[in-house]
Protein backbone atom coordinates (compact mmCIF):
# COMPACT_ATOMS: atom_id res chain seq x y z
CA MET A 1 -6.57 -4.50 -1.81
CA THR A 2 -7.53 -2.31 -4.74
CA GLY A 3 -10.87 -1.96 -6.40
CA THR A 4 -14.15 -2.99 -4.78
CA PRO A 5 -14.87 -6.61 -3.83
CA ALA A 6 -18.37 -8.00 -4.12
CA ARG A 7 -20.46 -6.24 -1.51
CA THR A 8 -21.48 -8.33 1.48
CA GLU A 9 -24.41 -7.55 3.73
CA LEU A 10 -23.70 -5.18 6.60
CA PRO A 11 -23.89 -6.83 10.00
CA ALA A 12 -26.62 -5.43 12.23
CA GLU A 13 -24.22 -5.21 15.17
CA THR A 14 -20.49 -5.08 15.70
CA GLU A 15 -18.10 -4.33 18.52
CA ILE A 16 -16.08 -1.65 16.70
CA ALA A 17 -17.23 0.21 13.61
CA VAL A 18 -14.41 1.97 11.76
CA VAL A 19 -15.32 4.82 9.43
CA GLY A 20 -12.59 5.32 6.83
CA GLY A 21 -10.43 2.75 5.06
CA GLY A 22 -7.26 4.79 4.55
CA LEU A 23 -4.05 4.23 6.48
CA MET A 24 -5.46 5.04 9.92
CA GLY A 25 -8.75 3.21 9.61
CA ALA A 26 -7.07 0.19 8.01
CA ALA A 27 -4.40 0.16 10.75
CA THR A 28 -7.13 0.29 13.40
CA ALA A 29 -8.90 -2.69 11.83
CA TRP A 30 -5.61 -4.60 11.81
CA ALA A 31 -4.78 -3.74 15.42
CA ALA A 32 -8.27 -4.49 16.72
CA THR A 33 -8.61 -7.84 14.96
CA ARG A 34 -5.20 -8.88 16.28
CA ARG A 35 -6.81 -8.58 19.71
CA GLY A 36 -9.81 -10.63 18.68
CA ARG A 37 -12.22 -7.68 18.38
CA ALA A 38 -15.16 -7.81 15.99
CA VAL A 39 -14.65 -5.02 13.43
CA THR A 40 -16.81 -3.58 10.66
CA LEU A 41 -14.99 -1.09 8.42
CA LEU A 42 -16.88 1.36 6.22
CA GLU A 43 -15.16 3.16 3.35
CA ARG A 44 -16.83 5.93 1.34
CA PHE A 45 -14.96 5.12 -1.90
CA ALA A 46 -13.26 2.08 -3.39
CA PHE A 47 -10.40 0.63 -1.38
CA GLY A 48 -7.10 2.14 -2.47
CA HIS A 49 -8.70 5.34 -3.83
CA ASP A 50 -6.73 8.56 -4.39
CA ARG A 51 -9.28 11.05 -3.01
CA GLY A 52 -7.73 11.46 0.44
CA SER A 53 -4.37 11.19 2.17
CA SER A 54 -3.34 7.53 1.99
CA HIS A 55 -2.55 6.77 -1.65
CA GLY A 56 0.82 6.63 -3.37
CA SER A 57 3.80 4.30 -3.29
CA ALA A 58 6.18 6.25 -1.03
CA ARG A 59 5.91 8.15 2.24
CA ILE A 60 8.71 9.09 4.60
CA VAL A 61 9.48 7.20 7.80
CA ARG A 62 12.07 8.78 10.07
CA ARG A 63 13.18 9.29 13.67
CA ALA A 64 14.28 12.95 13.32
CA TYR A 65 11.99 15.25 15.29
CA ALA A 66 12.86 18.16 17.52
CA ASP A 67 10.09 16.96 19.86
CA PRO A 68 11.00 14.08 22.23
CA LEU A 69 7.41 12.82 22.22
CA TYR A 70 7.44 12.15 18.50
CA VAL A 71 10.95 10.69 18.58
CA ALA A 72 9.70 8.11 21.08
CA LEU A 73 6.62 7.39 18.98
CA THR A 74 8.69 6.85 15.82
CA GLY A 75 10.64 4.07 17.51
CA ARG A 76 7.48 2.26 18.58
CA SER A 77 5.96 2.73 15.14
CA LEU A 78 8.96 1.32 13.28
CA ARG A 79 8.74 -1.85 15.39
CA LEU A 80 5.06 -2.20 14.49
CA TRP A 81 5.77 -1.68 10.79
CA ARG A 82 8.11 -4.67 11.01
CA GLU A 83 5.37 -6.67 12.73
CA LEU A 84 2.98 -5.82 9.89
CA GLU A 85 5.56 -6.87 7.29
CA GLN A 86 6.00 -10.20 9.06
CA ASP A 87 2.26 -10.68 9.55
CA ALA A 88 1.39 -9.86 5.93
CA GLY A 89 4.46 -11.43 4.31
CA SER A 90 5.07 -8.15 2.50
CA SER A 91 8.06 -5.82 2.22
CA LEU A 92 6.76 -2.31 2.93
CA LEU A 93 9.74 -0.39 4.31
CA ARG A 94 12.90 0.70 2.52
CA ILE A 95 15.38 1.94 5.12
CA ILE A 96 17.97 4.20 3.45
CA GLY A 97 18.64 6.87 6.09
CA GLY A 98 17.46 10.43 6.44
CA ILE A 99 18.98 13.90 6.03
CA ASP A 100 17.83 17.12 7.72
CA HIS A 101 19.33 20.48 6.80
CA GLY A 102 18.58 24.14 6.17
CA ARG A 103 18.63 27.42 8.07
CA LEU A 104 15.13 26.84 9.46
CA ARG A 105 15.50 23.13 10.21
CA ASP A 106 18.02 23.32 13.10
CA PRO A 107 19.84 20.03 12.42
CA GLU A 108 22.06 20.47 15.48
CA GLY A 109 19.07 20.98 17.75
CA ILE A 110 17.38 17.86 16.35
CA ALA A 111 20.65 15.98 16.85
CA ALA A 112 20.58 16.90 20.55
CA THR A 113 17.05 15.50 20.86
CA LEU A 114 18.08 12.28 19.11
CA ALA A 115 21.11 11.99 21.39
CA GLU A 116 18.89 12.19 24.47
CA ALA A 117 16.73 9.40 23.05
CA GLY A 118 19.72 7.23 22.10
CA VAL A 119 18.92 7.37 18.37
CA PRO A 120 22.02 6.89 16.15
CA HIS A 121 22.93 9.96 14.13
CA GLU A 122 25.79 12.18 13.00
CA VAL A 123 26.19 15.85 12.11
CA LEU A 124 28.35 16.62 9.05
CA PRO A 125 29.72 19.84 7.58
CA ALA A 126 28.27 20.78 4.20
CA SER A 127 31.49 19.89 2.37
CA GLU A 128 31.53 16.33 3.72
CA ALA A 129 27.82 15.84 3.04
CA LYS A 130 28.28 16.98 -0.57
CA CYS A 131 31.04 14.40 -1.06
CA ARG A 132 28.97 11.64 0.51
CA TRP A 133 25.84 12.43 -1.51
CA PRO A 134 26.84 13.85 -4.90
CA GLY A 135 23.94 15.49 -6.65
CA LEU A 136 22.65 17.18 -3.48
CA ARG A 137 23.61 20.71 -2.41
CA PHE A 138 24.14 21.87 1.17
CA ASP A 139 25.14 25.19 2.71
CA GLY A 140 25.28 24.43 6.43
CA PRO A 141 25.43 21.57 8.96
CA VAL A 142 23.72 18.34 7.89
CA LEU A 143 22.11 15.80 10.20
CA PHE A 144 22.09 12.18 9.05
CA HIS A 145 20.33 9.37 10.90
CA PRO A 146 20.20 5.82 9.53
CA GLU A 147 16.74 4.86 10.86
CA ALA A 148 14.79 6.54 8.08
CA GLY A 149 13.46 5.69 4.66
CA THR A 150 10.15 5.10 2.93
CA VAL A 151 6.98 3.10 3.40
CA ASP A 152 4.74 2.04 0.53
CA ALA A 153 1.48 3.65 1.66
CA ALA A 154 -0.83 1.98 -0.86
CA ALA A 155 0.65 -1.46 -0.20
CA ALA A 156 0.40 -0.83 3.55
CA VAL A 157 -3.34 -0.13 3.29
CA THR A 158 -3.71 -3.39 1.38
CA ALA A 159 -1.70 -5.31 3.98
CA PHE A 160 -3.66 -3.86 6.92
CA LEU A 161 -7.03 -4.60 5.33
CA THR A 162 -6.12 -8.04 4.02
CA ARG A 163 -4.90 -9.27 7.38
CA ALA A 164 -7.87 -7.68 9.18
CA ARG A 165 -10.24 -9.45 6.78
CA ASP A 166 -8.35 -12.71 7.29
CA ARG A 167 -9.04 -12.34 11.03
CA GLY A 168 -12.75 -11.81 10.52
CA ALA A 169 -13.20 -8.09 9.87
CA SER A 170 -16.22 -7.16 7.77
CA LEU A 171 -14.97 -4.71 5.11
CA HIS A 172 -17.32 -2.53 3.06
CA ALA A 173 -16.08 -0.28 0.26
CA GLU A 174 -18.29 2.29 -1.49
CA THR A 175 -20.40 2.52 1.66
CA PRO A 176 -20.72 6.20 2.59
CA VAL A 177 -21.71 6.95 6.17
CA ARG A 178 -24.72 9.26 6.27
CA ARG A 179 -25.12 9.80 9.99
CA ILE A 180 -23.64 8.80 13.33
CA THR A 181 -25.87 8.83 16.42
CA ALA A 182 -24.67 8.21 19.97
CA ASP A 183 -27.18 6.58 22.33
CA GLY A 184 -25.73 6.07 25.78
CA ASP A 185 -22.92 3.55 25.52
CA ARG A 186 -23.90 2.48 22.00
CA VAL A 187 -23.70 4.18 18.62
CA ARG A 188 -25.69 3.85 15.40
CA VAL A 189 -23.88 4.26 12.10
CA GLU A 190 -26.25 4.87 9.22
CA THR A 191 -24.81 4.19 5.75
CA ALA A 192 -26.05 4.23 2.19
CA HIS A 193 -26.54 0.45 2.47
CA GLY A 194 -27.94 -0.04 5.95
CA THR A 195 -27.31 0.68 9.62
CA VAL A 196 -24.77 -0.84 12.00
CA THR A 197 -25.02 -0.62 15.78
CA ALA A 198 -21.65 -0.69 17.54
CA ARG A 199 -20.20 -0.53 21.03
CA ARG A 200 -17.63 1.97 19.69
CA VAL A 201 -17.20 3.86 16.45
CA VAL A 202 -13.76 5.00 15.31
CA VAL A 203 -13.97 7.94 12.92
CA ALA A 204 -10.76 7.89 10.87
CA ALA A 205 -12.17 9.80 7.92
CA GLY A 206 -9.42 12.34 7.35
CA ALA A 207 -10.73 15.45 5.63
CA TRP A 208 -14.33 14.19 6.06
CA VAL A 209 -14.14 14.02 9.88
CA ARG A 210 -15.85 17.36 10.46
CA ASP A 211 -18.69 16.50 8.07
CA LEU A 212 -19.36 13.37 10.13
CA LEU A 213 -18.88 14.72 13.66
CA ASP A 214 -19.75 18.41 13.55
CA GLY A 215 -22.44 19.02 16.17
CA LEU A 216 -21.87 15.59 17.70
CA VAL A 217 -18.33 15.98 19.08
CA PRO A 218 -16.78 19.40 19.91
CA LEU A 219 -13.91 19.26 17.42
CA PRO A 220 -10.94 21.64 17.45
CA GLU A 221 -10.02 23.77 14.48
CA LEU A 222 -9.06 21.55 11.53
CA THR A 223 -7.69 22.93 8.27
CA VAL A 224 -7.94 20.96 5.02
CA THR A 225 -5.46 21.82 2.28
CA GLN A 226 -4.70 20.39 -1.14
CA GLN A 227 -1.01 19.58 -1.50
CA GLN A 228 0.88 18.66 -4.65
CA VAL A 229 3.82 16.35 -5.21
CA PHE A 230 6.16 16.03 -8.19
CA HIS A 231 8.51 13.32 -9.46
CA PHE A 232 11.80 14.18 -11.17
CA PRO A 233 14.14 11.79 -13.01
CA ARG A 234 17.69 11.22 -11.77
CA ARG A 235 20.53 12.23 -14.07
CA ASP A 236 22.49 9.16 -12.97
CA PRO A 237 20.14 6.24 -12.21
CA ASP A 238 22.94 4.50 -10.29
CA ILE A 239 23.03 7.27 -7.65
CA ASP A 240 20.31 7.57 -5.05
CA TRP A 241 20.07 9.47 -1.78
CA PRO A 242 18.45 9.21 1.63
CA VAL A 243 15.12 10.87 2.34
CA VAL A 244 15.63 14.61 2.84
CA VAL A 245 13.84 17.26 4.90
CA HIS A 246 15.07 20.75 4.00
CA LYS A 247 13.79 24.01 5.46
CA ASP A 248 15.15 27.21 3.97
CA ALA A 249 13.30 29.60 1.66
CA LEU A 250 10.94 26.68 1.02
CA SER A 251 9.98 23.90 3.42
CA THR A 252 10.48 20.76 1.33
CA TYR A 253 10.92 17.03 1.55
CA SER A 254 12.20 14.56 -1.02
CA LEU A 255 12.42 10.79 -1.22
CA PRO A 256 12.62 7.90 -3.68
CA GLY A 257 9.26 7.85 -5.43
CA GLY A 258 8.65 4.12 -5.68
CA ARG A 259 6.22 3.03 -8.41
CA ASP A 260 4.96 6.59 -8.80
CA GLY A 261 8.46 7.67 -9.84
CA GLY A 262 8.32 5.57 -13.00
CA PRO A 263 10.59 2.76 -14.21
CA ALA A 264 13.73 4.87 -13.76
CA GLY A 265 13.00 5.53 -10.09
CA GLY A 266 12.21 9.24 -10.09
CA ARG A 267 12.52 11.35 -6.97
CA LYS A 268 9.36 12.56 -5.18
CA ILE A 269 9.55 16.21 -4.05
CA ALA A 270 7.01 18.52 -2.44
CA GLU A 271 6.54 21.50 -0.19
CA HIS A 272 5.32 20.52 3.24
CA ASP A 273 2.95 23.36 4.03
CA ALA A 274 2.12 25.32 0.87
CA GLY A 275 -1.22 23.80 -0.06
CA ALA A 276 -4.30 25.92 -0.72
CA PRO A 277 -7.28 25.63 1.67
CA THR A 278 -10.06 23.40 0.36
CA THR A 279 -12.68 20.92 1.52
CA ALA A 280 -12.87 17.16 1.27
CA ASP A 281 -15.39 17.23 -1.56
CA GLY A 282 -14.48 20.64 -2.99
CA ARG A 283 -10.87 20.01 -3.97
CA SER A 284 -9.98 20.64 -7.58
CA GLY A 285 -7.44 17.84 -7.96
CA ALA A 286 -5.47 20.12 -10.28
CA VAL A 287 -1.81 20.87 -9.63
CA ASP A 288 -1.06 24.56 -9.02
CA PRO A 289 1.27 25.73 -11.84
CA VAL A 290 2.87 28.30 -9.51
CA ALA A 291 3.76 25.51 -7.08
CA ARG A 292 5.22 23.52 -9.97
CA GLU A 293 7.43 26.48 -10.92
CA ARG A 294 8.64 26.84 -7.33
CA ILE A 295 9.61 23.19 -7.11
CA VAL A 296 11.32 23.20 -10.52
CA GLY A 297 13.34 26.21 -9.35
CA TYR A 298 14.14 24.44 -6.10
CA VAL A 299 15.38 21.37 -7.95
CA ARG A 300 17.67 23.49 -10.12
CA GLU A 301 19.19 25.14 -7.06
CA TRP A 302 19.37 22.34 -4.50
CA LEU A 303 19.14 19.01 -6.36
CA PRO A 304 21.51 19.23 -9.34
CA GLY A 305 21.50 15.44 -9.57
CA LEU A 306 17.95 15.57 -10.94
CA GLU A 307 16.59 16.64 -14.29
CA PRO A 308 14.56 19.81 -13.54
CA ARG A 309 11.42 18.63 -15.32
CA PRO A 310 8.72 16.66 -13.50
CA VAL A 311 7.63 13.42 -15.12
CA ASN A 312 4.69 12.80 -12.81
CA GLU A 313 2.60 14.93 -10.45
CA ALA A 314 -0.34 14.40 -8.13
CA THR A 315 -2.37 15.98 -5.34
CA CYS A 316 -3.40 14.84 -1.88
CA LEU A 317 -5.08 16.27 1.20
CA TYR A 318 -3.66 17.40 4.53
CA THR A 319 -6.02 17.68 7.50
CA SER A 320 -4.13 19.69 10.09
CA THR A 321 -4.55 20.94 13.63
CA ALA A 322 -3.29 24.38 14.66
CA GLY A 323 -0.18 22.92 16.30
CA ASP A 324 0.22 19.84 14.05
CA ASP A 325 -0.38 17.44 16.95
CA PHE A 326 -2.67 14.47 16.37
CA VAL A 327 -6.26 14.23 17.62
CA LEU A 328 -6.72 10.86 19.34
CA ASP A 329 -9.48 10.95 21.93
CA ARG A 330 -12.82 9.47 22.92
CA ALA A 331 -16.14 11.22 23.48
CA GLY A 332 -18.58 8.66 24.88
CA PRO A 333 -18.73 5.77 22.40
CA ILE A 334 -17.07 7.85 19.64
CA VAL A 335 -13.30 7.67 19.08
CA VAL A 336 -11.85 10.54 17.05
CA CYS A 337 -8.83 9.59 14.97
CA SER A 338 -7.54 12.57 12.97
CA PRO A 339 -3.77 12.23 13.20
CA CYS A 340 -2.61 13.56 9.87
CA SER A 341 -1.28 17.15 9.96
CA GLY A 342 1.00 16.13 7.10
CA HIS A 343 3.16 13.78 9.16
CA GLY A 344 0.90 10.98 10.37
CA ALA A 345 1.55 8.27 7.78
CA LYS A 346 4.77 7.07 9.41
CA PHE A 347 2.85 6.41 12.64
CA ALA A 348 -0.05 4.43 11.12
CA PRO A 349 0.40 1.04 12.86
CA LEU A 350 1.02 2.73 16.21
CA ILE A 351 -2.02 4.97 15.80
CA GLY A 352 -4.05 1.84 15.08
CA GLU A 353 -2.88 0.41 18.41
CA MET A 354 -3.60 3.65 20.29
CA VAL A 355 -7.08 3.96 18.82
CA THR A 356 -7.85 0.34 19.65
CA ASP A 357 -6.82 1.06 23.25
CA LEU A 358 -9.22 4.04 23.31
CA ALA A 359 -12.02 1.90 21.90
CA ALA A 360 -11.40 -0.61 24.67
CA GLY A 361 -11.80 2.11 27.32
CA GLY A 362 -8.13 2.82 27.83
CA PRO A 363 -6.61 6.24 28.55
CA VAL A 364 -5.65 8.79 25.91
CA PRO A 365 -2.15 8.13 24.55
CA ASP A 366 -0.93 11.64 25.47
CA PRO A 367 -2.70 14.75 26.86
CA ARG A 368 -1.55 16.76 23.84
CA PHE A 369 -3.76 14.61 21.61
CA THR A 370 -7.00 15.28 23.49
CA LEU A 371 -9.91 17.26 22.15
CA ALA A 372 -9.86 19.56 25.18
CA VAL A 373 -6.20 20.51 24.84
CA HIS A 374 -6.60 21.21 21.11
CA ARG A 375 -9.64 23.41 21.72
CA ALA A 376 -7.90 25.29 24.54
CA ALA A 377 -4.87 25.97 22.33
CA VAL A 378 -6.92 28.02 19.88
CA SER A 379 -9.44 29.59 22.26
């Protein structure tokens, strides 16, 4: 669902108002309408815009975490991605396996966590990994697990929103929210085109969450950064590789780039945590030339199967907590959904389910995701 459909009149009342039409807001609308809930979704920009954290044709899905909580959540999320594919009649996932390596990645420690969870995996010496995946360089143990790959983020947003609309959701692009006001067990959402009264409001606005909730909900520390990604052509278009997470001198990830990689299927590569601090509306949108030089140097050293010249580049936003855990909690009639921290996309359909549970009065999905625990961690 790209572009802006003809604007329809805002309903005066709804059961659940969702602020934000990126991956998390769209997934919430999908999950809630599957349960028969009345949903009104409000998006500041056009649907499918590139101003936030949900655009692009390829994001990583994987099971490999050192944290058992996230390993468990990845399994549930993968099942829900398959349900979305079936529901929408769209192919969104490309499962090609995942590699973790590097001195600071601890592939053997992650392997132990996967073993405890019963997730298939293997640990290879560098020499064997190099033979299996020519064009990649390794200098230590390599973890491979088959339940990893990519999800088409832009197509996923379209699928979530289309199926939510088909089930009765009222979707409103280019409808900025001006103010949210809680009044007992109800909430008023004032927009540029009218006001909606809701039983619950889900704020899934990414980098804009503090602008909307500051002074209304005691939020934890949230840091917004502008990240940059690059696409590099493959020397041999017949050779491709799994998704890769590599932590050494740089903390990087790489994956097949999908449509954004061009007709020859360029590889998407980025640093995970090297973005400059910014704000939602103050970002420059310009790629940092120093970051480009670092990644070109990285490609020369670690990815000899790629041409070391980017053919495409872009920026996006991370909205991160101090410990990179999600924020999924309720304060009165307001549900806070800020799960990004640079690794939330793979969990989108599950986060939609969790947030719908919160909107229905259910418990928080995990104590680590609560507002109170986040605030205590930085106090």
